[in-house]
Amino acid sequence: MKKYYISIAIVLVTGCAVFMLSDKKLPEIENTVQAKEQQGTKEENKNEGKIEKPEMLIGTSEEGKEFSYDAAEVARKLRSYDFYRGEEKTVFLTFDDGASTTITPQILKILKEEEVRATFFVIGDTIEKGGERAKALVREIFEQGNAIGNHTYGHNYQYLYPNRTVNVNHFFTDVEKTDKLLKEIIGENFSTRVIRCPGGMMSWKGTKELDDNFIKNNRVSIDWNALSKDAEGKKKNAAQLIENVKETSKDKKMVVLLMHDTYGKEETVKALPSIIRYFKEQGYQFRTLV
């Protein structure tokens, strides 16, 4: 019996102590809670009406990032001819001069069927002349997980390269017009840092100032090291285009393949499935340039 009363006493004393402590601290706790609630209300009021800034999309969609590759590293390898080495075989399918309302849709269909992605170097003037259909194709290029590069606005050699020498002011005026157009089509959060000079940067004089400007503004110029020759010399059939691709890409671990999706390139469309299957059989991974 004695032990029983001692236990009760401890409980009562402890309970009393807890009660007294709680009673003493209650106003302070209430004040703290009220202060936090007021602070939360202030933060809510402060943020009310604000729209979260969308994530910047550089060259490709969020889904397309899975297939992307650093264009600056590719440019370095192209300049130094360092594309015969490496453990992994990589191919970059690139299409210039679109988006066309006749050829681009067929190429997109093939890419989707083959489950590969490519990089499209688009021309602003070609897009605008194609109207809403061409603009819709640009969005489809993007939404399909392909990459988009800037191929200037007018692709006019005389304007861009008078006397075969780069006019830097003209060049970037043209580039900025296409940049603006792409934002209007895809969204303000889209930009691309990848540029392909019409005719290739390797073809012109006075490119140092242009290259310095690229570096300063985090731009990358991408030429190519293999091609189907679908824009060179006499018109070629699909079989000839395929052979040109095999010949010009031979023994290269990294291939940047030049093709075109502008009007009149029906033979390129016919050749494309075989070109893709050839690289698959050779063990190449398909990537895009961003």
C-alpha atoms as a PDB file:
ATOM      1  CA  MET A   1       0.000   0.000   0.000  1.00  0.00           C
ATOM      2  CA  LYS A   2       2.825   2.409   0.812  1.00  0.00           C
ATOM      3  CA  LYS A   3       4.364   2.082  -2.665  1.00  0.00           C
ATOM      4  CA  TYR A   4       0.951   2.750  -4.211  1.00  0.00           C
ATOM      5  CA  TYR A   5       0.511   6.148  -2.486  1.00  0.00           C
ATOM      6  CA  ILE A   6       4.055   7.205  -3.362  1.00  0.00           C
ATOM      7  CA  SER A   7       3.370   6.586  -7.081  1.00  0.00           C
ATOM      8  CA  ILE A   8       0.172   8.606  -6.960  1.00  0.00           C
ATOM      9  CA  ALA A   9       1.989  11.449  -5.334  1.00  0.00           C
ATOM     10  CA  ILE A  10       4.629  11.514  -8.053  1.00  0.00           C
ATOM     11  CA  VAL A  11       2.009  11.538 -10.747  1.00  0.00           C
ATOM     12  CA  LEU A  12       0.105  14.335  -9.068  1.00  0.00           C
ATOM     13  CA  VAL A  13       3.221  16.405  -8.563  1.00  0.00           C
ATOM     14  CA  THR A  14       4.357  15.839 -12.113  1.00  0.00           C
ATOM     15  CA  GLY A  15       0.892  16.656 -13.444  1.00  0.00           C
ATOM     16  CA  CYS A  16       0.827  19.806 -11.471  1.00  0.00           C
ATOM     17  CA  ALA A  17       4.239  20.784 -12.719  1.00  0.00           C
ATOM     18  CA  VAL A  18       3.175  20.178 -16.307  1.00  0.00           C
ATOM     19  CA  PHE A  19      -0.027  22.144 -15.783  1.00  0.00           C
ATOM     20  CA  MET A  20       1.801  25.043 -14.286  1.00  0.00           C
ATOM     21  CA  LEU A  21       4.435  25.022 -16.997  1.00  0.00           C
ATOM     22  CA  SER A  22       1.840  24.872 -19.766  1.00  0.00           C
ATOM     23  CA  ASP A  23      -0.176  27.627 -18.180  1.00  0.00           C
ATOM     24  CA  LYS A  24       2.895  29.830 -17.942  1.00  0.00           C
ATOM     25  CA  LYS A  25       4.045  29.305 -21.567  1.00  0.00           C
ATOM     26  CA  LEU A  26       0.662  29.466 -23.311  1.00  0.00           C
ATOM     27  CA  PRO A  27       0.574  33.230 -24.071  1.00  0.00           C
ATOM     28  CA  GLU A  28       4.094  33.103 -25.475  1.00  0.00           C
ATOM     29  CA  ILE A  29       3.228  30.141 -27.743  1.00  0.00           C
ATOM     30  CA  GLU A  30       0.051  31.885 -28.929  1.00  0.00           C
ATOM     31  CA  ASN A  31       2.020  35.023 -29.764  1.00  0.00           C
ATOM     32  CA  THR A  32       4.566  32.979 -31.784  1.00  0.00           C
ATOM     33  CA  VAL A  33       1.820  31.205 -33.766  1.00  0.00           C
ATOM     34  CA  GLN A  34       0.072  34.493 -34.491  1.00  0.00           C
ATOM     35  CA  ALA A  35       3.334  36.063 -35.668  1.00  0.00           C
ATOM     36  CA  LYS A  36       3.992  33.166 -38.039  1.00  0.00           C
ATOM     37  CA  GLU A  37       0.460  33.311 -39.425  1.00  0.00           C
ATOM     38  CA  GLN A  38       0.807  37.044 -40.021  1.00  0.00           C
ATOM     39  CA  GLN A  39       4.159  36.510 -41.750  1.00  0.00           C
ATOM     40  CA  GLY A  40       2.632  33.811 -43.955  1.00  0.00           C
ATOM     41  CA  THR A  41      -0.221  36.113 -44.916  1.00  0.00           C
ATOM     42  CA  LYS A  42       2.265  38.856 -45.825  1.00  0.00           C
ATOM     43  CA  GLU A  43       4.225  36.426 -48.049  1.00  0.00           C
ATOM     44  CA  GLU A  44       1.012  35.261 -49.749  1.00  0.00           C
ATOM     45  CA  ASN A  45      -0.019  38.862 -50.396  1.00  0.00           C
ATOM     46  CA  LYS A  46       3.460  39.674 -51.653  1.00  0.00           C
ATOM     47  CA  ASN A  47       3.448  36.785 -54.150  1.00  0.00           C
ATOM     48  CA  GLU A  48      -0.188  37.172 -55.173  1.00  0.00           C
ATOM     49  CA  GLY A  49      -0.550  37.760 -58.907  1.00  0.00           C
ATOM     50  CA  LYS A  50       3.050  36.749 -59.678  1.00  0.00           C
ATOM     51  CA  ILE A  51       3.621  34.266 -62.530  1.00  0.00           C
ATOM     52  CA  GLU A  52       6.506  31.842 -62.276  1.00  0.00           C
ATOM     53  CA  LYS A  53       9.135  32.473 -64.921  1.00  0.00           C
ATOM     54  CA  PRO A  54       9.145  29.500 -67.345  1.00  0.00           C
ATOM     55  CA  GLU A  55      12.290  27.461 -67.708  1.00  0.00           C
ATOM     56  CA  MET A  56      14.450  28.492 -70.658  1.00  0.00           C
ATOM     57  CA  LEU A  57      14.467  25.977 -73.484  1.00  0.00           C
ATOM     58  CA  ILE A  58      17.754  26.088 -75.363  1.00  0.00           C
ATOM     59  CA  GLY A  59      17.459  24.581 -78.820  1.00  0.00           C
ATOM     60  CA  THR A  60      15.093  21.753 -77.948  1.00  0.00           C
ATOM     61  CA  SER A  61      12.124  20.802 -75.782  1.00  0.00           C
ATOM     62  CA  GLU A  62      12.337  19.402 -72.261  1.00  0.00           C
ATOM     63  CA  GLU A  63      11.799  15.913 -73.682  1.00  0.00           C
ATOM     64  CA  GLY A  64      14.348  16.542 -76.414  1.00  0.00           C
ATOM     65  CA  LYS A  65      17.154  17.141 -73.911  1.00  0.00           C
ATOM     66  CA  GLU A  66      17.542  13.369 -73.634  1.00  0.00           C
ATOM     67  CA  PHE A  67      18.913  13.262 -77.188  1.00  0.00           C
ATOM     68  CA  SER A  68      20.962  16.472 -77.116  1.00  0.00           C
ATOM     69  CA  TYR A  69      24.725  16.904 -77.220  1.00  0.00           C
ATOM     70  CA  ASP A  70      26.970  19.873 -76.515  1.00  0.00           C
ATOM     71  CA  ALA A  71      27.358  21.691 -79.841  1.00  0.00           C
ATOM     72  CA  ALA A  72      30.510  23.476 -78.630  1.00  0.00           C
ATOM     73  CA  GLU A  73      32.273  20.126 -78.210  1.00  0.00           C
ATOM     74  CA  VAL A  74      31.128  19.048 -81.671  1.00  0.00           C
ATOM     75  CA  ALA A  75      32.413  22.319 -83.152  1.00  0.00           C
ATOM     76  CA  ARG A  76      35.766  21.760 -81.461  1.00  0.00           C
ATOM     77  CA  LYS A  77      36.063  18.278 -82.938  1.00  0.00           C
ATOM     78  CA  LEU A  78      35.120  19.521 -86.394  1.00  0.00           C
ATOM     79  CA  ARG A  79      37.743  22.284 -86.290  1.00  0.00           C
ATOM     80  CA  SER A  80      40.497  19.954 -85.111  1.00  0.00           C
ATOM     81  CA  TYR A  81      39.442  16.970 -87.267  1.00  0.00           C
ATOM     82  CA  ASP A  82      39.133  14.996 -84.069  1.00  0.00           C
ATOM     83  CA  PHE A  83      36.235  12.850 -85.246  1.00  0.00           C
ATOM     84  CA  TYR A  84      37.982   9.574 -86.061  1.00  0.00           C
ATOM     85  CA  ARG A  85      38.539   8.607 -82.438  1.00  0.00           C
ATOM     86  CA  GLY A  86      36.295   7.725 -79.537  1.00  0.00           C
ATOM     87  CA  GLU A  87      34.575   4.747 -78.020  1.00  0.00           C
ATOM     88  CA  GLU A  88      31.023   5.722 -78.980  1.00  0.00           C
ATOM     89  CA  LYS A  89      29.820   6.247 -82.538  1.00  0.00           C
ATOM     90  CA  THR A  90      27.604   9.314 -82.827  1.00  0.00           C
ATOM     91  CA  VAL A  91      25.712  10.728 -85.795  1.00  0.00           C
ATOM     92  CA  PHE A  92      23.991  14.098 -86.037  1.00  0.00           C
ATOM     93  CA  LEU A  93      21.405  14.209 -88.822  1.00  0.00           C
ATOM     94  CA  THR A  94      21.060  17.852 -89.881  1.00  0.00           C
ATOM     95  CA  PHE A  95      18.614  19.432 -92.315  1.00  0.00           C
ATOM     96  CA  ASP A  96      19.093  22.911 -93.773  1.00  0.00           C
ATOM     97  CA  ASP A  97      16.859  25.522 -95.420  1.00  0.00           C
ATOM     98  CA  GLY A  98      13.414  24.618 -94.023  1.00  0.00           C
ATOM     99  CA  ALA A  99      10.848  24.509 -92.842  1.00  0.00           C
ATOM    100  CA  SER A 100       9.145  23.648 -96.148  1.00  0.00           C
ATOM    101  CA  THR A 101       5.496  22.681 -96.310  1.00  0.00           C
ATOM    102  CA  THR A 102       6.194  19.783 -98.694  1.00  0.00           C
ATOM    103  CA  ILE A 103       9.430  18.064 -97.587  1.00  0.00           C
ATOM    104  CA  THR A 104       9.670  18.810 -93.856  1.00  0.00           C
ATOM    105  CA  PRO A 105       6.436  16.941 -92.959  1.00  0.00           C
ATOM    106  CA  GLN A 106       7.675  13.801 -94.711  1.00  0.00           C
ATOM    107  CA  ILE A 107      11.046  13.953 -92.965  1.00  0.00           C
ATOM    108  CA  LEU A 108       9.374  14.407 -89.575  1.00  0.00           C
ATOM    109  CA  LYS A 109       7.193  11.367 -90.261  1.00  0.00           C
ATOM    110  CA  ILE A 110      10.244   9.220 -91.079  1.00  0.00           C
ATOM    111  CA  LEU A 111      12.155  10.400 -88.014  1.00  0.00           C
ATOM    112  CA  LYS A 112       9.174   9.551 -85.823  1.00  0.00           C
ATOM    113  CA  GLU A 113       8.781   6.103 -87.371  1.00  0.00           C
ATOM    114  CA  GLU A 114      12.491   5.372 -86.951  1.00  0.00           C
ATOM    115  CA  GLU A 115      12.472   6.837 -83.410  1.00  0.00           C
ATOM    116  CA  VAL A 116      15.456   9.121 -83.998  1.00  0.00           C
ATOM    117  CA  ARG A 117      15.921  12.876 -83.686  1.00  0.00           C
ATOM    118  CA  ALA A 118      17.645  15.448 -85.900  1.00  0.00           C
ATOM    119  CA  THR A 119      18.717  19.090 -85.938  1.00  0.00           C
ATOM    120  CA  PHE A 120      16.896  21.496 -88.264  1.00  0.00           C
ATOM    121  CA  PHE A 121      18.711  24.667 -89.325  1.00  0.00           C
ATOM    122  CA  VAL A 122      15.798  26.875 -90.314  1.00  0.00           C
ATOM    123  CA  ILE A 123      15.588  30.001 -92.471  1.00  0.00           C
ATOM    124  CA  GLY A 124      13.285  32.761 -91.240  1.00  0.00           C
ATOM    125  CA  ASP A 125      12.210  33.905 -94.703  1.00  0.00           C
ATOM    126  CA  THR A 126      11.337  30.357 -95.774  1.00  0.00           C
ATOM    127  CA  ILE A 127       9.168  29.929 -92.688  1.00  0.00           C
ATOM    128  CA  GLU A 128       7.325  33.205 -93.212  1.00  0.00           C
ATOM    129  CA  LYS A 129       6.689  32.473 -96.882  1.00  0.00           C
ATOM    130  CA  GLY A 130       5.235  29.118 -95.838  1.00  0.00           C
ATOM    131  CA  GLY A 131       2.681  30.888 -93.662  1.00  0.00           C
ATOM    132  CA  GLU A 132       0.863  29.275 -90.767  1.00  0.00           C
ATOM    133  CA  ARG A 133       1.534  25.782 -92.097  1.00  0.00           C
ATOM    134  CA  ALA A 134       5.311  26.312 -91.948  1.00  0.00           C
ATOM    135  CA  LYS A 135       5.052  27.822 -88.469  1.00  0.00           C
ATOM    136  CA  ALA A 136       3.062  24.794 -87.326  1.00  0.00           C
ATOM    137  CA  LEU A 137       5.833  22.575 -88.702  1.00  0.00           C
ATOM    138  CA  VAL A 138       8.432  24.472 -86.670  1.00  0.00           C
ATOM    139  CA  ARG A 139       6.371  23.748 -83.561  1.00  0.00           C
ATOM    140  CA  GLU A 140       6.128  20.096 -84.606  1.00  0.00           C
ATOM    141  CA  ILE A 141       9.912  19.906 -85.052  1.00  0.00           C
ATOM    142  CA  PHE A 142      10.279  21.229 -81.521  1.00  0.00           C
ATOM    143  CA  GLU A 143       7.538  19.150 -79.889  1.00  0.00           C
ATOM    144  CA  GLN A 144       8.872  15.952 -81.464  1.00  0.00           C
ATOM    145  CA  GLY A 145      12.119  16.396 -79.531  1.00  0.00           C
ATOM    146  CA  ASN A 146      14.294  17.540 -82.422  1.00  0.00           C
ATOM    147  CA  ALA A 147      16.666  20.497 -82.115  1.00  0.00           C
ATOM    148  CA  ILE A 148      16.378  23.815 -83.945  1.00  0.00           C
ATOM    149  CA  GLY A 149      19.325  25.867 -85.159  1.00  0.00           C
ATOM    150  CA  ASN A 150      19.463  29.277 -86.844  1.00  0.00           C
ATOM    151  CA  HIS A 151      20.395  29.387 -90.562  1.00  0.00           C
ATOM    152  CA  THR A 152      19.924  33.185 -90.868  1.00  0.00           C
ATOM    153  CA  TYR A 153      16.832  34.926 -92.193  1.00  0.00           C
ATOM    154  CA  GLY A 154      17.460  35.293 -95.903  1.00  0.00           C
ATOM    155  CA  HIS A 155      20.348  32.928 -96.757  1.00  0.00           C
ATOM    156  CA  ASN A 156      21.567  35.648 -99.133  1.00  0.00           C
ATOM    157  CA  TYR A 157      25.273  35.234 -99.886  1.00  0.00           C
ATOM    158  CA  GLN A 158      25.696  38.725-101.363  1.00  0.00           C
ATOM    159  CA  TYR A 159      24.167  40.348 -98.281  1.00  0.00           C
ATOM    160  CA  LEU A 160      25.953  38.146 -95.739  1.00  0.00           C
ATOM    161  CA  TYR A 161      29.313  37.799 -97.526  1.00  0.00           C
ATOM    162  CA  PRO A 162      29.974  40.710 -99.936  1.00  0.00           C
ATOM    163  CA  ASN A 163      33.143  39.975-101.902  1.00  0.00           C
ATOM    164  CA  ARG A 164      33.127  36.567-100.148  1.00  0.00           C
ATOM    165  CA  THR A 165      33.961  38.286 -96.844  1.00  0.00           C
ATOM    166  CA  VAL A 166      31.677  38.096 -93.816  1.00  0.00           C
ATOM    167  CA  ASN A 167      29.777  41.295 -93.004  1.00  0.00           C
ATOM    168  CA  VAL A 168      29.295  40.737 -89.281  1.00  0.00           C
ATOM    169  CA  ASN A 169      26.605  43.409 -88.872  1.00  0.00           C
ATOM    170  CA  HIS A 170      24.538  42.006 -91.726  1.00  0.00           C
ATOM    171  CA  PHE A 171      25.036  38.477 -90.470  1.00  0.00           C
ATOM    172  CA  PHE A 172      23.771  39.112 -86.951  1.00  0.00           C
ATOM    173  CA  THR A 173      20.906  41.295 -88.165  1.00  0.00           C
ATOM    174  CA  ASP A 174      19.746  38.278 -90.140  1.00  0.00           C
ATOM    175  CA  VAL A 175      20.279  35.901 -87.227  1.00  0.00           C
ATOM    176  CA  GLU A 176      18.358  38.122 -84.815  1.00  0.00           C
ATOM    177  CA  LYS A 177      15.372  38.290 -87.182  1.00  0.00           C
ATOM    178  CA  THR A 178      15.113  34.513 -87.173  1.00  0.00           C
ATOM    179  CA  ASP A 179      15.660  34.385 -83.398  1.00  0.00           C
ATOM    180  CA  LYS A 180      12.712  36.747 -82.949  1.00  0.00           C
ATOM    181  CA  LEU A 181      10.537  34.707 -85.299  1.00  0.00           C
ATOM    182  CA  LEU A 182      11.296  31.472 -83.446  1.00  0.00           C
ATOM    183  CA  LYS A 183      10.282  33.075 -80.151  1.00  0.00           C
ATOM    184  CA  GLU A 184       7.014  34.196 -81.715  1.00  0.00           C
ATOM    185  CA  ILE A 185       6.325  30.657 -82.923  1.00  0.00           C
ATOM    186  CA  ILE A 186       7.551  28.513 -80.017  1.00  0.00           C
ATOM    187  CA  GLY A 187       7.484  30.925 -77.087  1.00  0.00           C
ATOM    188  CA  GLU A 188       9.520  33.643 -75.399  1.00  0.00           C
ATOM    189  CA  ASN A 189      11.350  31.059 -73.294  1.00  0.00           C
ATOM    190  CA  PHE A 190      12.876  29.447 -76.412  1.00  0.00           C
ATOM    191  CA  SER A 191      16.277  30.317 -77.806  1.00  0.00           C
ATOM    192  CA  THR A 192      18.970  28.559 -79.781  1.00  0.00           C
ATOM    193  CA  ARG A 193      22.707  29.112 -79.586  1.00  0.00           C
ATOM    194  CA  VAL A 194      23.506  26.895 -82.598  1.00  0.00           C
ATOM    195  CA  ILE A 195      24.057  28.567 -85.960  1.00  0.00           C
ATOM    196  CA  ARG A 196      24.963  27.217 -89.358  1.00  0.00           C
ATOM    197  CA  CYS A 197      26.406  29.775 -91.720  1.00  0.00           C
ATOM    198  CA  PRO A 198      24.871  29.520 -95.198  1.00  0.00           C
ATOM    199  CA  GLY A 199      27.471  27.805 -97.347  1.00  0.00           C
ATOM    200  CA  GLY A 200      29.381  26.768 -94.219  1.00  0.00           C
ATOM    201  CA  MET A 201      31.688  28.964 -92.159  1.00  0.00           C
ATOM    202  CA  MET A 202      34.655  27.262 -93.803  1.00  0.00           C
ATOM    203  CA  SER A 203      33.741  28.782 -97.174  1.00  0.00           C
ATOM    204  CA  TRP A 204      34.250  32.490 -96.451  1.00  0.00           C
ATOM    205  CA  LYS A 205      36.919  35.051 -95.623  1.00  0.00           C
ATOM    206  CA  GLY A 206      37.015  37.313 -92.573  1.00  0.00           C
ATOM    207  CA  THR A 207      35.478  34.788 -90.210  1.00  0.00           C
ATOM    208  CA  LYS A 208      37.621  35.620 -87.152  1.00  0.00           C
ATOM    209  CA  GLU A 209      35.461  38.572 -86.077  1.00  0.00           C
ATOM    210  CA  LEU A 210      32.383  36.415 -86.601  1.00  0.00           C
ATOM    211  CA  ASP A 211      33.859  33.599 -84.542  1.00  0.00           C
ATOM    212  CA  ASP A 212      34.888  36.020 -81.769  1.00  0.00           C
ATOM    213  CA  ASN A 213      31.309  37.261 -81.654  1.00  0.00           C
ATOM    214  CA  PHE A 214      30.020  33.689 -81.399  1.00  0.00           C
ATOM    215  CA  ILE A 215      32.285  33.005 -78.433  1.00  0.00           C
ATOM    216  CA  LYS A 216      31.418  36.291 -76.702  1.00  0.00           C
ATOM    217  CA  ASN A 217      27.672  35.621 -76.975  1.00  0.00           C
ATOM    218  CA  ASN A 218      27.789  31.880 -76.232  1.00  0.00           C
ATOM    219  CA  ARG A 219      26.944  30.985 -79.813  1.00  0.00           C
ATOM    220  CA  VAL A 220      28.240  27.968 -81.696  1.00  0.00           C
ATOM    221  CA  SER A 221      28.840  27.667 -85.435  1.00  0.00           C
ATOM    222  CA  ILE A 222      28.386  24.144 -86.792  1.00  0.00           C
ATOM    223  CA  ASP A 223      29.507  23.011 -90.237  1.00  0.00           C
ATOM    224  CA  TRP A 224      29.595  19.314 -91.252  1.00  0.00           C
ATOM    225  CA  ASN A 225      31.979  16.463 -92.039  1.00  0.00           C
ATOM    226  CA  ALA A 226      29.703  14.283 -94.195  1.00  0.00           C
ATOM    227  CA  LEU A 227      26.979  14.999 -96.725  1.00  0.00           C
ATOM    228  CA  SER A 228      24.508  13.411 -99.113  1.00  0.00           C
ATOM    229  CA  LYS A 229      25.278  16.041-101.762  1.00  0.00           C
ATOM    230  CA  ASP A 230      21.569  16.697-102.249  1.00  0.00           C
ATOM    231  CA  ALA A 231      22.369  20.355-102.957  1.00  0.00           C
ATOM    232  CA  GLU A 232      25.569  19.958-104.981  1.00  0.00           C
ATOM    233  CA  GLY A 233      25.915  19.692-108.751  1.00  0.00           C
ATOM    234  CA  LYS A 234      23.381  17.778-110.802  1.00  0.00           C
ATOM    235  CA  LYS A 235      20.283  16.378-109.167  1.00  0.00           C
ATOM    236  CA  LYS A 236      20.900  12.909-107.739  1.00  0.00           C
ATOM    237  CA  ASN A 237      18.572  10.012-107.095  1.00  0.00           C
ATOM    238  CA  ALA A 238      18.085   8.364-103.713  1.00  0.00           C
ATOM    239  CA  ALA A 239      20.578   5.589-104.382  1.00  0.00           C
ATOM    240  CA  GLN A 240      23.306   8.111-105.220  1.00  0.00           C
ATOM    241  CA  LEU A 241      22.551  10.135-102.096  1.00  0.00           C
ATOM    242  CA  ILE A 242      22.869   7.026 -99.934  1.00  0.00           C
ATOM    243  CA  GLU A 243      26.234   6.139-101.467  1.00  0.00           C
ATOM    244  CA  ASN A 244      27.504   9.685-100.896  1.00  0.00           C
ATOM    245  CA  VAL A 245      26.545   9.442 -97.226  1.00  0.00           C
ATOM    246  CA  LYS A 246      28.379   6.121 -96.823  1.00  0.00           C
ATOM    247  CA  GLU A 247      31.471   7.398 -98.628  1.00  0.00           C
ATOM    248  CA  THR A 248      31.777  10.744 -96.815  1.00  0.00           C
ATOM    249  CA  SER A 249      31.120   9.270 -93.344  1.00  0.00           C
ATOM    250  CA  LYS A 250      33.479   6.309 -93.705  1.00  0.00           C
ATOM    251  CA  ASP A 251      35.616   5.527 -90.614  1.00  0.00           C
ATOM    252  CA  LYS A 252      34.335   8.575 -88.695  1.00  0.00           C
ATOM    253  CA  LYS A 253      33.290   8.016 -85.083  1.00  0.00           C
ATOM    254  CA  MET A 254      31.485  11.359 -85.036  1.00  0.00           C
ATOM    255  CA  VAL A 255      29.420  12.249 -88.105  1.00  0.00           C
ATOM    256  CA  VAL A 256      27.675  15.580 -88.711  1.00  0.00           C
ATOM    257  CA  LEU A 257      25.636  14.820 -91.807  1.00  0.00           C
ATOM    258  CA  LEU A 258      24.408  17.640 -94.062  1.00  0.00           C
ATOM    259  CA  MET A 259      21.062  17.195 -95.827  1.00  0.00           C
ATOM    260  CA  HIS A 260      18.229  19.539 -96.798  1.00  0.00           C
ATOM    261  CA  ASP A 261      14.486  19.726 -96.155  1.00  0.00           C
ATOM    262  CA  THR A 262      13.705  22.581 -98.513  1.00  0.00           C
ATOM    263  CA  TYR A 263      11.433  22.392-101.530  1.00  0.00           C
ATOM    264  CA  GLY A 264      12.377  19.935-104.289  1.00  0.00           C
ATOM    265  CA  LYS A 265      14.249  17.455-102.060  1.00  0.00           C
ATOM    266  CA  GLU A 266      11.982  14.471-102.737  1.00  0.00           C
ATOM    267  CA  GLU A 267      14.977  12.194-103.325  1.00  0.00           C
ATOM    268  CA  THR A 268      16.290  13.067 -99.863  1.00  0.00           C
ATOM    269  CA  VAL A 269      12.984  11.864 -98.432  1.00  0.00           C
ATOM    270  CA  LYS A 270      13.282   8.596-100.373  1.00  0.00           C
ATOM    271  CA  ALA A 271      16.885   8.084 -99.213  1.00  0.00           C
ATOM    272  CA  LEU A 272      16.393   8.954 -95.552  1.00  0.00           C
ATOM    273  CA  PRO A 273      15.021   5.625 -94.222  1.00  0.00           C
ATOM    274  CA  SER A 274      17.965   3.729 -95.728  1.00  0.00           C
ATOM    275  CA  ILE A 275      20.442   6.312 -94.401  1.00  0.00           C
ATOM    276  CA  ILE A 276      19.042   5.976 -90.889  1.00  0.00           C
ATOM    277  CA  ARG A 277      19.073   2.179 -91.026  1.00  0.00           C
ATOM    278  CA  TYR A 278      22.665   2.229 -92.300  1.00  0.00           C
ATOM    279  CA  PHE A 279      23.855   4.191 -89.261  1.00  0.00           C
ATOM    280  CA  LYS A 280      21.833   1.981 -86.924  1.00  0.00           C
ATOM    281  CA  GLU A 281      23.464  -1.119 -88.410  1.00  0.00           C
ATOM    282  CA  GLN A 282      26.883   0.495 -87.941  1.00  0.00           C
ATOM    283  CA  GLY A 283      26.174   1.029 -84.229  1.00  0.00           C
ATOM    284  CA  TYR A 284      25.760   4.822 -84.219  1.00  0.00           C
ATOM    285  CA  GLN A 285      23.814   6.731 -81.583  1.00  0.00           C
ATOM    286  CA  PHE A 286      21.610   9.547 -82.928  1.00  0.00           C
ATOM    287  CA  ARG A 287      21.991  12.906 -81.193  1.00  0.00           C
ATOM    288  CA  THR A 288      20.966  16.535 -81.672  1.00  0.00           C
ATOM    289  CA  LEU A 289      22.988  19.745 -81.440  1.00  0.00           C
ATOM    290  CA  VAL A 290      22.204  22.264 -78.680  1.00  0.00           C
END
